[in-house]
């Protein structure tokens, strides 16, 4: 059963499909040759339970901005 994903994670998932290195890892995952990387129940690629962030500059910028805006940030602002 799929869990509901927030739009931010959905965006990461879609951008993962455009990252050549992550797609190479996906081939290895599907062949059973990669153990650190996995695809979760929502189709999001992870390494050791952490989300793999694709090499998409705009997405990385959005993540950094969200991290700085969050009330949980270590250094807000």
Protein backbone atom coordinates (compact mmCIF):
# COMPACT_ATOMS: atom_id res chain seq x y z
CA UNK A 1 0.00 0.00 0.00
CA UNK A 2 1.37 3.41 -0.97
CA UNK A 3 1.67 6.15 1.59
CA UNK A 4 0.57 9.66 0.70
CA UNK A 5 3.54 11.83 -0.21
CA UNK A 6 3.89 15.53 0.24
CA UNK A 7 4.34 17.56 -2.96
CA UNK A 8 7.96 18.33 -2.07
CA UNK A 9 8.89 14.63 -1.94
CA UNK A 10 6.88 14.01 -5.10
CA UNK A 11 8.98 16.69 -6.85
CA UNK A 12 12.20 15.01 -5.68
CA UNK A 13 10.91 11.66 -6.97
CA UNK A 14 10.19 13.10 -10.42
CA UNK A 15 13.57 14.86 -10.58
CA UNK A 16 15.35 11.63 -9.62
CA UNK A 17 14.25 10.26 -12.99
CA UNK A 18 16.30 12.94 -14.75
CA UNK A 19 19.55 12.28 -12.86
CA UNK A 20 21.84 10.03 -14.90
CA UNK A 21 23.86 8.76 -11.92
CA UNK A 22 20.73 7.85 -9.98
CA UNK A 23 19.31 6.04 -12.99
CA UNK A 24 22.55 4.04 -13.23
CA UNK A 25 22.08 3.09 -9.56
CA UNK A 26 18.48 2.08 -10.32
CA UNK A 27 19.73 -0.43 -12.88
CA UNK A 28 22.05 -1.93 -10.26
CA UNK A 29 19.20 -2.02 -7.71
CA UNK A 30 16.98 -3.86 -10.18
CA UNK A 31 19.77 -6.34 -10.92
CA UNK A 32 20.28 -6.97 -7.19
CA UNK A 33 23.84 -5.60 -7.35
CA UNK A 34 23.30 -2.56 -5.10
CA UNK A 35 22.49 -2.92 -1.42
CA UNK A 36 22.96 0.60 -0.01
CA UNK A 37 20.48 2.15 -2.45
CA UNK A 38 16.82 1.17 -2.43
CA UNK A 39 13.52 2.37 -3.86
CA UNK A 40 10.86 2.83 -1.18
CA UNK A 41 7.18 1.96 -1.40
CA UNK A 42 6.45 5.34 -3.01
CA UNK A 43 9.12 4.96 -5.68
CA UNK A 44 11.57 7.37 -4.05
CA UNK A 45 15.22 6.35 -4.28
CA UNK A 46 17.06 6.31 -0.98
CA UNK A 47 20.52 5.51 0.29
CA UNK A 48 20.54 3.98 3.75
CA UNK A 49 17.00 5.34 4.38
CA UNK A 50 17.94 8.91 3.31
CA UNK A 51 16.35 10.47 0.24
CA UNK A 52 18.72 10.77 -2.75
CA UNK A 53 18.70 14.34 -3.97
CA UNK A 54 19.13 14.50 -7.73
CA UNK A 55 21.59 16.87 -9.37
CA UNK A 56 18.98 19.49 -10.29
CA UNK A 57 20.15 22.99 -9.29
CA UNK A 58 16.64 24.46 -8.93
CA UNK A 59 15.56 21.58 -6.69
CA UNK A 60 18.68 21.91 -4.54
CA UNK A 61 17.99 25.65 -4.18
CA UNK A 62 14.41 24.93 -3.10
CA UNK A 63 15.62 22.44 -0.50
CA UNK A 64 18.16 24.90 0.90
CA UNK A 65 15.57 27.67 1.08
CA UNK A 66 13.08 25.42 2.82
CA UNK A 67 15.73 24.37 5.31
CA UNK A 68 16.51 27.97 6.15
CA UNK A 69 12.83 28.95 6.46
CA UNK A 70 11.86 26.02 8.64
CA UNK A 71 11.28 26.67 12.32
CA UNK A 72 13.38 23.56 12.92
CA UNK A 73 16.42 25.02 11.18
CA UNK A 74 19.65 25.11 13.13
CA UNK A 75 20.27 28.66 11.95
CA UNK A 76 17.05 30.35 10.78
CA UNK A 77 17.21 33.25 8.36
